[in-house]
Amino acid sequence: MTSVAIDMKQVRKTYGKKVVAVENLSLQVKTGSIFALLGPNGSGKTTTIRMLTSLVSKDGGDIHIFGENKIDKHVIGCVAQNSGVDPLGTGKENLMMQGKIYGLKGQILKKRVDELLKMFHLEKDQNRLSKNYSGGMKRKLDLAMGIIHKPRLLFLDEPTTGLDPEARSDLWKMIKQLQEEQGMTVVLTTHYMEEADELADYVAFMNEGKLVIEGTKESLKRGMKSDTLIFQSPHVEKAKEVLQGENQLVVKEDKLHVQVTDGATKLPELLHELKEHGVDIDSVTLSKVNLGDVYFMHTGKTLMKGESK
């Protein structure tokens, strides 16, 4: 079995003459890994997934899935952000219909449906109309439908958007289970930084159709100083000038984000330096570095928790 599930080289996609959705994107996804593609609305995440699942055609570049340059729909599964569940069908009926689409029939289909109902804890609700399911139950059913044909590669586009924390946590456990127990390769798009931190082995950030930076969560965080000091000031540009040099600095609105090694120790020193230069500070916040900070430092943009697609 190839060690690379996805190999993209210089892939491009435009809509019309002016809208560049994905520009010269090159990345690899290792077999058996969970790969998170992160970015705000309009960054190119969903277009990338659509190309990888053959829902839209690329304009240029190369895509290989498990070494093949043709996308075999029986090898991949996809759970879109918008639910594919038929609200007028029961949970079991939805799974049966999805299985038939992939050519499953008879006892093989029945056994697979029963297996998934048990795995996703939907057994007791299998004969209820899915329109009466909770949001978390519908997403479990979506995920079960996406893997009914036992794909080697699963795409999840914003899988937990709109779910409450408990339902989100349950879905995370199931995604990890698919990887660890079945060896499935999972590619997910998300704007929830805690989701990527919880699930992903490898992370790639996109912005305006381009790959910004990629690596393991640990390597991306190590590439920055360990703490973020956020200064709010009416003289934020002057504050940036004063602190320019040893620190990584980004200004957003009236706040200066400063990366430092030890925030608690460094803060008094920086406040003293700002005061010496006549810079007034309204407030300061200290936070530990996370993936959102990595993205912000490379793009100057914030991935907002709860942002809709």
C-alpha atoms as a PDB file:
ATOM      1  CA  MET A   1       0.000   0.000   0.000  1.00  0.00           C
ATOM      2  CA  THR A   2       1.298   3.431  -0.915  1.00  0.00           C
ATOM      3  CA  SER A   3       2.390   5.641   1.981  1.00  0.00           C
ATOM      4  CA  VAL A   4       0.790   8.694   0.354  1.00  0.00           C
ATOM      5  CA  ALA A   5      -2.992   8.897   0.158  1.00  0.00           C
ATOM      6  CA  ILE A   6      -3.162  12.258  -1.623  1.00  0.00           C
ATOM      7  CA  ASP A   7      -0.530  13.952  -3.750  1.00  0.00           C
ATOM      8  CA  MET A   8      -1.431  17.374  -5.190  1.00  0.00           C
ATOM      9  CA  LYS A   9       1.010  19.305  -7.367  1.00  0.00           C
ATOM     10  CA  GLN A  10       0.442  22.862  -8.597  1.00  0.00           C
ATOM     11  CA  VAL A  11      -3.342  22.436  -8.637  1.00  0.00           C
ATOM     12  CA  ARG A  12      -5.367  25.443  -9.793  1.00  0.00           C
ATOM     13  CA  LYS A  13      -9.058  26.316  -9.919  1.00  0.00           C
ATOM     14  CA  THR A  14     -10.707  29.526 -11.071  1.00  0.00           C
ATOM     15  CA  TYR A  15     -14.338  30.550 -11.408  1.00  0.00           C
ATOM     16  CA  GLY A  16     -14.836  32.866 -14.350  1.00  0.00           C
ATOM     17  CA  LYS A  17     -11.948  35.109 -15.322  1.00  0.00           C
ATOM     18  CA  LYS A  18     -11.300  36.859 -12.036  1.00  0.00           C
ATOM     19  CA  VAL A  19     -12.070  34.569  -9.089  1.00  0.00           C
ATOM     20  CA  VAL A  20      -9.035  32.422  -8.215  1.00  0.00           C
ATOM     21  CA  ALA A  21     -10.306  29.826  -5.760  1.00  0.00           C
ATOM     22  CA  VAL A  22      -7.136  27.700  -5.540  1.00  0.00           C
ATOM     23  CA  GLU A  23      -3.747  28.813  -6.827  1.00  0.00           C
ATOM     24  CA  ASN A  24      -0.864  26.383  -7.442  1.00  0.00           C
ATOM     25  CA  LEU A  25      -1.652  24.208  -4.427  1.00  0.00           C
ATOM     26  CA  SER A  26       0.818  21.425  -3.659  1.00  0.00           C
ATOM     27  CA  LEU A  27       0.444  19.146  -0.657  1.00  0.00           C
ATOM     28  CA  GLN A  28       0.662  15.511   0.421  1.00  0.00           C
ATOM     29  CA  VAL A  29      -1.473  13.539   2.855  1.00  0.00           C
ATOM     30  CA  LYS A  30       0.053  10.432   4.426  1.00  0.00           C
ATOM     31  CA  THR A  31      -1.929   7.194   4.425  1.00  0.00           C
ATOM     32  CA  GLY A  32      -3.594   6.531   7.780  1.00  0.00           C
ATOM     33  CA  SER A  33      -3.288  10.110   9.026  1.00  0.00           C
ATOM     34  CA  ILE A  34      -5.816  12.767   9.975  1.00  0.00           C
ATOM     35  CA  PHE A  35      -5.050  15.875   7.949  1.00  0.00           C
ATOM     36  CA  ALA A  36      -6.680  19.225   8.766  1.00  0.00           C
ATOM     37  CA  LEU A  37      -7.064  21.906   6.104  1.00  0.00           C
ATOM     38  CA  LEU A  38      -7.673  25.184   7.903  1.00  0.00           C
ATOM     39  CA  GLY A  39      -8.670  28.651   6.811  1.00  0.00           C
ATOM     40  CA  PRO A  40     -11.474  31.240   6.911  1.00  0.00           C
ATOM     41  CA  ASN A  41     -14.372  31.557   4.488  1.00  0.00           C
ATOM     42  CA  GLY A  42     -13.138  31.975   0.925  1.00  0.00           C
ATOM     43  CA  SER A  43      -9.691  30.528   1.615  1.00  0.00           C
ATOM     44  CA  GLY A  44     -10.144  27.656  -0.874  1.00  0.00           C
ATOM     45  CA  LYS A  45     -10.723  24.784   1.554  1.00  0.00           C
ATOM     46  CA  THR A  46     -14.060  23.617   0.195  1.00  0.00           C
ATOM     47  CA  THR A  47     -12.993  24.020  -3.444  1.00  0.00           C
ATOM     48  CA  THR A  48      -9.972  21.838  -2.688  1.00  0.00           C
ATOM     49  CA  ILE A  49     -12.200  19.133  -1.217  1.00  0.00           C
ATOM     50  CA  ARG A  50     -14.545  19.351  -4.199  1.00  0.00           C
ATOM     51  CA  MET A  51     -11.657  18.803  -6.592  1.00  0.00           C
ATOM     52  CA  LEU A  52     -10.378  15.856  -4.569  1.00  0.00           C
ATOM     53  CA  THR A  53     -13.822  14.260  -4.624  1.00  0.00           C
ATOM     54  CA  SER A  54     -14.382  15.011  -8.344  1.00  0.00           C
ATOM     55  CA  LEU A  55     -17.335  17.316  -7.648  1.00  0.00           C
ATOM     56  CA  VAL A  56     -15.562  20.049  -9.621  1.00  0.00           C
ATOM     57  CA  SER A  57     -12.776  19.750 -12.179  1.00  0.00           C
ATOM     58  CA  LYS A  58      -9.362  21.326 -11.713  1.00  0.00           C
ATOM     59  CA  ASP A  59      -8.031  23.839 -14.238  1.00  0.00           C
ATOM     60  CA  GLY A  60      -4.462  22.602 -13.983  1.00  0.00           C
ATOM     61  CA  GLY A  61      -1.947  20.608 -11.984  1.00  0.00           C
ATOM     62  CA  ASP A  62      -1.924  16.963 -10.923  1.00  0.00           C
ATOM     63  CA  ILE A  63      -3.937  15.017  -8.355  1.00  0.00           C
ATOM     64  CA  HIS A  64      -3.117  11.429  -7.396  1.00  0.00           C
ATOM     65  CA  ILE A  65      -5.203   9.401  -4.940  1.00  0.00           C
ATOM     66  CA  PHE A  66      -3.295   6.362  -3.637  1.00  0.00           C
ATOM     67  CA  GLY A  67      -0.976   6.695  -6.640  1.00  0.00           C
ATOM     68  CA  GLU A  68      -3.768   6.819  -9.238  1.00  0.00           C
ATOM     69  CA  ASN A  69      -4.549   9.907 -11.299  1.00  0.00           C
ATOM     70  CA  LYS A  70      -8.217   8.928 -11.546  1.00  0.00           C
ATOM     71  CA  ILE A  71     -10.537   9.364  -8.580  1.00  0.00           C
ATOM     72  CA  ASP A  72     -12.321   6.108  -7.733  1.00  0.00           C
ATOM     73  CA  LYS A  73     -15.496   7.046  -5.869  1.00  0.00           C
ATOM     74  CA  HIS A  74     -15.555   3.640  -4.188  1.00  0.00           C
ATOM     75  CA  VAL A  75     -12.204   4.413  -2.545  1.00  0.00           C
ATOM     76  CA  ILE A  76     -13.355   7.734  -1.064  1.00  0.00           C
ATOM     77  CA  GLY A  77     -16.166   8.824   1.219  1.00  0.00           C
ATOM     78  CA  CYS A  78     -17.395  12.356   1.766  1.00  0.00           C
ATOM     79  CA  VAL A  79     -19.450  14.053   4.459  1.00  0.00           C
ATOM     80  CA  ALA A  80     -20.404  17.547   3.307  1.00  0.00           C
ATOM     81  CA  GLN A  81     -21.102  20.492   5.574  1.00  0.00           C
ATOM     82  CA  ASN A  82     -24.751  20.417   4.518  1.00  0.00           C
ATOM     83  CA  SER A  83     -26.407  17.202   5.652  1.00  0.00           C
ATOM     84  CA  GLY A  84     -27.194  14.536   3.060  1.00  0.00           C
ATOM     85  CA  VAL A  85     -29.743  12.853   5.314  1.00  0.00           C
ATOM     86  CA  ASP A  86     -33.284  12.460   3.920  1.00  0.00           C
ATOM     87  CA  PRO A  87     -35.486  13.903   6.684  1.00  0.00           C
ATOM     88  CA  LEU A  88     -38.465  11.806   5.590  1.00  0.00           C
ATOM     89  CA  GLY A  89     -36.551   8.548   5.887  1.00  0.00           C
ATOM     90  CA  THR A  90     -35.657   6.690   9.052  1.00  0.00           C
ATOM     91  CA  GLY A  91     -32.053   6.306  10.111  1.00  0.00           C
ATOM     92  CA  LYS A  92     -32.044   2.732   8.831  1.00  0.00           C
ATOM     93  CA  GLU A  93     -33.692   3.684   5.536  1.00  0.00           C
ATOM     94  CA  ASN A  94     -31.078   6.372   4.921  1.00  0.00           C
ATOM     95  CA  LEU A  95     -28.271   3.870   5.438  1.00  0.00           C
ATOM     96  CA  MET A  96     -29.945   1.229   3.275  1.00  0.00           C
ATOM     97  CA  MET A  97     -30.415   3.675   0.399  1.00  0.00           C
ATOM     98  CA  GLN A  98     -26.823   4.919   0.637  1.00  0.00           C
ATOM     99  CA  GLY A  99     -25.547   1.347   0.624  1.00  0.00           C
ATOM    100  CA  LYS A 100     -27.542   0.516  -2.499  1.00  0.00           C
ATOM    101  CA  ILE A 101     -26.035   3.536  -4.267  1.00  0.00           C
ATOM    102  CA  TYR A 102     -22.624   1.919  -3.735  1.00  0.00           C
ATOM    103  CA  GLY A 103     -23.837  -1.464  -4.968  1.00  0.00           C
ATOM    104  CA  LEU A 104     -24.310  -3.208  -1.636  1.00  0.00           C
ATOM    105  CA  LYS A 105     -27.249  -5.623  -1.428  1.00  0.00           C
ATOM    106  CA  GLY A 106     -28.780  -8.530   0.449  1.00  0.00           C
ATOM    107  CA  GLN A 107     -27.199  -9.806   3.638  1.00  0.00           C
ATOM    108  CA  ILE A 108     -23.988  -7.861   3.020  1.00  0.00           C
ATOM    109  CA  LEU A 109     -25.937  -4.601   3.062  1.00  0.00           C
ATOM    110  CA  LYS A 110     -28.054  -5.595   6.077  1.00  0.00           C
ATOM    111  CA  LYS A 111     -24.978  -6.639   8.058  1.00  0.00           C
ATOM    112  CA  ARG A 112     -23.169  -3.383   7.239  1.00  0.00           C
ATOM    113  CA  VAL A 113     -26.185  -1.246   8.207  1.00  0.00           C
ATOM    114  CA  ASP A 114     -26.582  -3.086  11.522  1.00  0.00           C
ATOM    115  CA  GLU A 115     -22.861  -2.691  12.163  1.00  0.00           C
ATOM    116  CA  LEU A 116     -22.987   1.074  11.612  1.00  0.00           C
ATOM    117  CA  LEU A 117     -26.157   1.574  13.652  1.00  0.00           C
ATOM    118  CA  LYS A 118     -24.384  -0.096  16.573  1.00  0.00           C
ATOM    119  CA  MET A 119     -21.098   1.724  16.035  1.00  0.00           C
ATOM    120  CA  PHE A 120     -22.771   5.150  15.992  1.00  0.00           C
ATOM    121  CA  HIS A 121     -25.201   4.369  18.836  1.00  0.00           C
ATOM    122  CA  LEU A 122     -28.272   4.767  16.630  1.00  0.00           C
ATOM    123  CA  GLU A 123     -29.783   1.313  17.154  1.00  0.00           C
ATOM    124  CA  LYS A 124     -32.679   2.377  19.351  1.00  0.00           C
ATOM    125  CA  ASP A 125     -33.520   5.276  17.016  1.00  0.00           C
ATOM    126  CA  GLN A 126     -33.069   3.439  13.718  1.00  0.00           C
ATOM    127  CA  ASN A 127     -36.812   3.403  12.931  1.00  0.00           C
ATOM    128  CA  ARG A 128     -37.456   7.044  13.816  1.00  0.00           C
ATOM    129  CA  LEU A 129     -37.771   9.615  11.021  1.00  0.00           C
ATOM    130  CA  SER A 130     -34.443  11.403  10.831  1.00  0.00           C
ATOM    131  CA  LYS A 131     -36.192  14.801  10.806  1.00  0.00           C
ATOM    132  CA  ASN A 132     -36.793  14.151  14.496  1.00  0.00           C
ATOM    133  CA  TYR A 133     -33.102  13.478  15.216  1.00  0.00           C
ATOM    134  CA  SER A 134     -31.003  15.953  17.176  1.00  0.00           C
ATOM    135  CA  GLY A 135     -28.192  17.789  15.380  1.00  0.00           C
ATOM    136  CA  GLY A 136     -25.620  15.408  16.828  1.00  0.00           C
ATOM    137  CA  MET A 137     -27.588  12.329  15.774  1.00  0.00           C
ATOM    138  CA  LYS A 138     -27.958  13.654  12.214  1.00  0.00           C
ATOM    139  CA  ARG A 139     -24.198  14.209  11.956  1.00  0.00           C
ATOM    140  CA  LYS A 140     -23.561  10.688  13.229  1.00  0.00           C
ATOM    141  CA  LEU A 141     -25.923   9.399  10.549  1.00  0.00           C
ATOM    142  CA  ASP A 142     -24.171  11.556   7.935  1.00  0.00           C
ATOM    143  CA  LEU A 143     -20.836  10.065   8.977  1.00  0.00           C
ATOM    144  CA  ALA A 144     -22.216   6.516   8.932  1.00  0.00           C
ATOM    145  CA  MET A 145     -23.600   7.089   5.431  1.00  0.00           C
ATOM    146  CA  GLY A 146     -20.225   8.437   4.304  1.00  0.00           C
ATOM    147  CA  ILE A 147     -18.395   5.252   5.293  1.00  0.00           C
ATOM    148  CA  ILE A 148     -21.000   2.590   4.480  1.00  0.00           C
ATOM    149  CA  HIS A 149     -18.873   1.331   1.560  1.00  0.00           C
ATOM    150  CA  LYS A 150     -15.726   1.169   3.729  1.00  0.00           C
ATOM    151  CA  PRO A 151     -13.696   3.864   1.944  1.00  0.00           C
ATOM    152  CA  ARG A 152      -9.947   4.100   2.462  1.00  0.00           C
ATOM    153  CA  LEU A 153     -10.071   7.903   2.378  1.00  0.00           C
ATOM    154  CA  LEU A 154     -12.729  10.040   4.090  1.00  0.00           C
ATOM    155  CA  PHE A 155     -13.353  13.748   3.497  1.00  0.00           C
ATOM    156  CA  LEU A 156     -15.120  15.757   6.198  1.00  0.00           C
ATOM    157  CA  ASP A 157     -16.103  19.330   5.315  1.00  0.00           C
ATOM    158  CA  GLU A 158     -16.760  21.288   8.522  1.00  0.00           C
ATOM    159  CA  PRO A 159     -18.103  18.135  10.221  1.00  0.00           C
ATOM    160  CA  THR A 160     -19.149  19.671  13.545  1.00  0.00           C
ATOM    161  CA  THR A 161     -20.464  23.097  12.547  1.00  0.00           C
ATOM    162  CA  GLY A 162     -23.526  23.964  14.625  1.00  0.00           C
ATOM    163  CA  LEU A 163     -23.115  21.139  17.134  1.00  0.00           C
ATOM    164  CA  ASP A 164     -23.052  21.686  20.873  1.00  0.00           C
ATOM    165  CA  PRO A 165     -19.797  20.858  22.718  1.00  0.00           C
ATOM    166  CA  GLU A 166     -20.983  17.425  23.878  1.00  0.00           C
ATOM    167  CA  ALA A 167     -22.102  16.347  20.385  1.00  0.00           C
ATOM    168  CA  ARG A 168     -18.877  17.706  18.914  1.00  0.00           C
ATOM    169  CA  SER A 169     -16.806  15.708  21.396  1.00  0.00           C
ATOM    170  CA  ASP A 170     -18.751  12.519  20.562  1.00  0.00           C
ATOM    171  CA  LEU A 171     -18.098  12.992  16.849  1.00  0.00           C
ATOM    172  CA  TRP A 172     -14.391  13.593  17.495  1.00  0.00           C
ATOM    173  CA  LYS A 173     -14.155  10.237  19.276  1.00  0.00           C
ATOM    174  CA  MET A 174     -15.781   8.469  16.325  1.00  0.00           C
ATOM    175  CA  ILE A 175     -13.454  10.105  13.812  1.00  0.00           C
ATOM    176  CA  LYS A 176     -10.419   9.027  15.860  1.00  0.00           C
ATOM    177  CA  GLN A 177     -11.875   5.536  16.078  1.00  0.00           C
ATOM    178  CA  LEU A 178     -12.110   5.309  12.284  1.00  0.00           C
ATOM    179  CA  GLN A 179      -8.439   6.187  12.017  1.00  0.00           C
ATOM    180  CA  GLU A 180      -7.109   4.050  14.836  1.00  0.00           C
ATOM    181  CA  GLU A 181      -9.222   0.911  14.417  1.00  0.00           C
ATOM    182  CA  GLN A 182      -9.830   0.881  10.670  1.00  0.00           C
ATOM    183  CA  GLY A 183      -6.715   2.648   9.401  1.00  0.00           C
ATOM    184  CA  MET A 184      -8.788   5.187   7.500  1.00  0.00           C
ATOM    185  CA  THR A 185      -7.150   8.337   6.135  1.00  0.00           C
ATOM    186  CA  VAL A 186      -9.210  11.392   7.078  1.00  0.00           C
ATOM    187  CA  VAL A 187      -9.052  14.879   5.561  1.00  0.00           C
ATOM    188  CA  LEU A 188     -11.103  17.507   7.341  1.00  0.00           C
ATOM    189  CA  THR A 189     -11.729  21.192   6.832  1.00  0.00           C
ATOM    190  CA  THR A 190     -12.587  23.224   9.873  1.00  0.00           C
ATOM    191  CA  HIS A 191     -12.402  26.704  11.342  1.00  0.00           C
ATOM    192  CA  TYR A 192     -12.464  25.352  14.908  1.00  0.00           C
ATOM    193  CA  MET A 193      -8.880  25.439  16.151  1.00  0.00           C
ATOM    194  CA  GLU A 194      -9.662  23.094  19.043  1.00  0.00           C
ATOM    195  CA  GLU A 195     -11.000  20.574  16.528  1.00  0.00           C
ATOM    196  CA  ALA A 196      -7.731  20.534  14.611  1.00  0.00           C
ATOM    197  CA  ASP A 197      -5.773  20.391  17.873  1.00  0.00           C
ATOM    198  CA  GLU A 198      -7.828  17.431  19.064  1.00  0.00           C
ATOM    199  CA  LEU A 199      -7.866  15.387  15.870  1.00  0.00           C
ATOM    200  CA  ALA A 200      -5.177  16.249  13.365  1.00  0.00           C
ATOM    201  CA  ASP A 201      -1.752  14.674  12.949  1.00  0.00           C
ATOM    202  CA  TYR A 202      -0.863  17.237  10.307  1.00  0.00           C
ATOM    203  CA  VAL A 203      -2.167  20.735   9.593  1.00  0.00           C
ATOM    204  CA  ALA A 204      -2.131  22.979   6.516  1.00  0.00           C
ATOM    205  CA  PHE A 205      -3.312  26.599   6.531  1.00  0.00           C
ATOM    206  CA  MET A 206      -4.863  28.196   3.445  1.00  0.00           C
ATOM    207  CA  ASN A 207      -5.502  31.861   2.725  1.00  0.00           C
ATOM    208  CA  GLU A 208      -6.951  33.347  -0.477  1.00  0.00           C
ATOM    209  CA  GLY A 209      -6.498  30.094  -2.383  1.00  0.00           C
ATOM    210  CA  LYS A 210      -2.863  29.594  -1.419  1.00  0.00           C
ATOM    211  CA  LEU A 211      -1.054  27.323   1.014  1.00  0.00           C
ATOM    212  CA  VAL A 212       0.364  29.525   3.776  1.00  0.00           C
ATOM    213  CA  ILE A 213       2.193  27.043   6.013  1.00  0.00           C
ATOM    214  CA  GLU A 214       1.974  23.341   6.883  1.00  0.00           C
ATOM    215  CA  GLY A 215       3.393  20.899   9.403  1.00  0.00           C
ATOM    216  CA  THR A 216       2.562  18.931  12.515  1.00  0.00           C
ATOM    217  CA  LYS A 217       0.738  20.830  15.255  1.00  0.00           C
ATOM    218  CA  GLU A 218       3.814  20.616  17.442  1.00  0.00           C
ATOM    219  CA  SER A 219       6.234  21.903  14.789  1.00  0.00           C
ATOM    220  CA  LEU A 220       3.976  24.837  13.896  1.00  0.00           C
ATOM    221  CA  LYS A 221       3.692  25.879  17.527  1.00  0.00           C
ATOM    222  CA  ARG A 222       7.418  25.421  18.127  1.00  0.00           C
ATOM    223  CA  GLY A 223       8.046  27.784  15.239  1.00  0.00           C
ATOM    224  CA  MET A 224       6.598  30.588  17.327  1.00  0.00           C
ATOM    225  CA  LYS A 225       7.469  31.962  20.714  1.00  0.00           C
ATOM    226  CA  SER A 226       5.465  30.286  23.460  1.00  0.00           C
ATOM    227  CA  ASP A 227       3.180  33.139  24.617  1.00  0.00           C
ATOM    228  CA  THR A 228       1.156  35.922  23.039  1.00  0.00           C
ATOM    229  CA  LEU A 229       0.855  39.355  24.661  1.00  0.00           C
ATOM    230  CA  ILE A 230      -1.997  41.426  23.248  1.00  0.00           C
ATOM    231  CA  PHE A 231      -1.696  45.164  23.900  1.00  0.00           C
ATOM    232  CA  GLN A 232      -4.671  47.457  23.347  1.00  0.00           C
ATOM    233  CA  SER A 233      -3.599  51.044  22.830  1.00  0.00           C
ATOM    234  CA  PRO A 234      -4.746  54.264  21.130  1.00  0.00           C
ATOM    235  CA  HIS A 235      -1.166  54.482  19.823  1.00  0.00           C
ATOM    236  CA  VAL A 236      -0.801  50.954  18.509  1.00  0.00           C
ATOM    237  CA  GLU A 237       1.462  51.825  15.555  1.00  0.00           C
ATOM    238  CA  LYS A 238       3.870  53.674  17.838  1.00  0.00           C
ATOM    239  CA  ALA A 239       3.817  50.702  20.213  1.00  0.00           C
ATOM    240  CA  LYS A 240       4.798  48.475  17.302  1.00  0.00           C
ATOM    241  CA  GLU A 241       7.708  50.764  16.437  1.00  0.00           C
ATOM    242  CA  VAL A 242       8.935  50.744  20.040  1.00  0.00           C
ATOM    243  CA  LEU A 243       8.828  46.949  20.375  1.00  0.00           C
ATOM    244  CA  GLN A 244      10.061  46.153  16.872  1.00  0.00           C
ATOM    245  CA  GLY A 245      13.159  43.963  16.790  1.00  0.00           C
ATOM    246  CA  GLU A 246      13.384  40.882  18.954  1.00  0.00           C
ATOM    247  CA  ASN A 247       9.645  40.133  18.917  1.00  0.00           C
ATOM    248  CA  GLN A 248       7.184  38.795  16.334  1.00  0.00           C
ATOM    249  CA  LEU A 249       4.586  41.535  15.924  1.00  0.00           C
ATOM    250  CA  VAL A 250       1.216  41.825  14.200  1.00  0.00           C
ATOM    251  CA  VAL A 251      -1.245  44.718  14.429  1.00  0.00           C
ATOM    252  CA  LYS A 252      -4.963  44.129  14.083  1.00  0.00           C
ATOM    253  CA  GLU A 253      -7.347  47.047  14.583  1.00  0.00           C
ATOM    254  CA  ASP A 254      -6.253  48.738  17.826  1.00  0.00           C
ATOM    255  CA  LYS A 255      -4.364  45.742  19.220  1.00  0.00           C
ATOM    256  CA  LEU A 256      -0.712  44.743  18.995  1.00  0.00           C
ATOM    257  CA  HIS A 257      -0.020  40.987  19.166  1.00  0.00           C
ATOM    258  CA  VAL A 258       3.495  40.240  20.430  1.00  0.00           C
ATOM    259  CA  GLN A 259       5.047  36.763  20.533  1.00  0.00           C
ATOM    260  CA  VAL A 260       7.424  36.237  23.475  1.00  0.00           C
ATOM    261  CA  THR A 261       9.144  33.283  25.141  1.00  0.00           C
ATOM    262  CA  ASP A 262       7.934  33.903  28.691  1.00  0.00           C
ATOM    263  CA  GLY A 263       4.987  36.276  28.790  1.00  0.00           C
ATOM    264  CA  ALA A 264       4.747  36.663  32.566  1.00  0.00           C
ATOM    265  CA  THR A 265       8.426  37.596  32.853  1.00  0.00           C
ATOM    266  CA  LYS A 266       8.564  39.696  29.703  1.00  0.00           C
ATOM    267  CA  LEU A 267       5.424  41.770  30.312  1.00  0.00           C
ATOM    268  CA  PRO A 268       6.816  44.188  32.952  1.00  0.00           C
ATOM    269  CA  GLU A 269       9.868  44.834  30.762  1.00  0.00           C
ATOM    270  CA  LEU A 270       7.761  45.648  27.702  1.00  0.00           C
ATOM    271  CA  LEU A 271       5.356  47.841  29.677  1.00  0.00           C
ATOM    272  CA  HIS A 272       8.296  49.790  31.069  1.00  0.00           C
ATOM    273  CA  GLU A 273       9.738  50.235  27.565  1.00  0.00           C
ATOM    274  CA  LEU A 274       6.405  51.484  26.219  1.00  0.00           C
ATOM    275  CA  LYS A 275       5.986  53.892  29.128  1.00  0.00           C
ATOM    276  CA  GLU A 276       9.504  55.266  28.543  1.00  0.00           C
ATOM    277  CA  HIS A 277       8.435  56.139  24.989  1.00  0.00           C
ATOM    278  CA  GLY A 278       5.151  57.727  26.076  1.00  0.00           C
ATOM    279  CA  VAL A 279       2.890  54.954  24.750  1.00  0.00           C
ATOM    280  CA  ASP A 280      -0.351  54.565  26.713  1.00  0.00           C
ATOM    281  CA  ILE A 281      -1.690  51.030  27.138  1.00  0.00           C
ATOM    282  CA  ASP A 282      -5.387  50.468  27.866  1.00  0.00           C
ATOM    283  CA  SER A 283      -5.180  46.724  28.534  1.00  0.00           C
ATOM    284  CA  VAL A 284      -2.954  43.653  28.119  1.00  0.00           C
ATOM    285  CA  THR A 285      -3.946  40.011  27.644  1.00  0.00           C
ATOM    286  CA  LEU A 286      -1.597  37.039  28.025  1.00  0.00           C
ATOM    287  CA  SER A 287      -2.383  33.745  26.269  1.00  0.00           C
ATOM    288  CA  LYS A 288      -0.526  30.543  25.402  1.00  0.00           C
ATOM    289  CA  VAL A 289       0.186  29.973  21.729  1.00  0.00           C
ATOM    290  CA  ASN A 290      -2.338  27.912  19.748  1.00  0.00           C
ATOM    291  CA  LEU A 291      -2.999  27.113  16.095  1.00  0.00           C
ATOM    292  CA  GLY A 292      -5.101  30.242  15.739  1.00  0.00           C
ATOM    293  CA  ASP A 293      -2.059  32.291  16.760  1.00  0.00           C
ATOM    294  CA  VAL A 294       0.057  30.503  14.145  1.00  0.00           C
ATOM    295  CA  TYR A 295      -2.452  31.383  11.432  1.00  0.00           C
ATOM    296  CA  PHE A 296      -2.784  34.959  12.627  1.00  0.00           C
ATOM    297  CA  MET A 297       0.956  35.550  12.670  1.00  0.00           C
ATOM    298  CA  HIS A 298       1.307  34.297   9.090  1.00  0.00           C
ATOM    299  CA  THR A 299      -1.729  36.031   7.597  1.00  0.00           C
ATOM    300  CA  GLY A 300      -2.845  38.785   9.946  1.00  0.00           C
ATOM    301  CA  LYS A 301      -6.300  37.176   9.899  1.00  0.00           C
ATOM    302  CA  THR A 302      -8.300  35.579  12.667  1.00  0.00           C
ATOM    303  CA  LEU A 303     -10.109  32.267  12.398  1.00  0.00           C
ATOM    304  CA  MET A 304     -13.254  33.084  14.293  1.00  0.00           C
ATOM    305  CA  LYS A 305     -14.786  30.386  16.460  1.00  0.00           C
ATOM    306  CA  GLY A 306     -18.377  29.864  15.416  1.00  0.00           C
ATOM    307  CA  GLU A 307     -17.839  31.430  11.982  1.00  0.00           C
ATOM    308  CA  SER A 308     -20.277  30.042   9.428  1.00  0.00           C
ATOM    309  CA  LYS A 309     -19.206  28.969   6.005  1.00  0.00           C
END
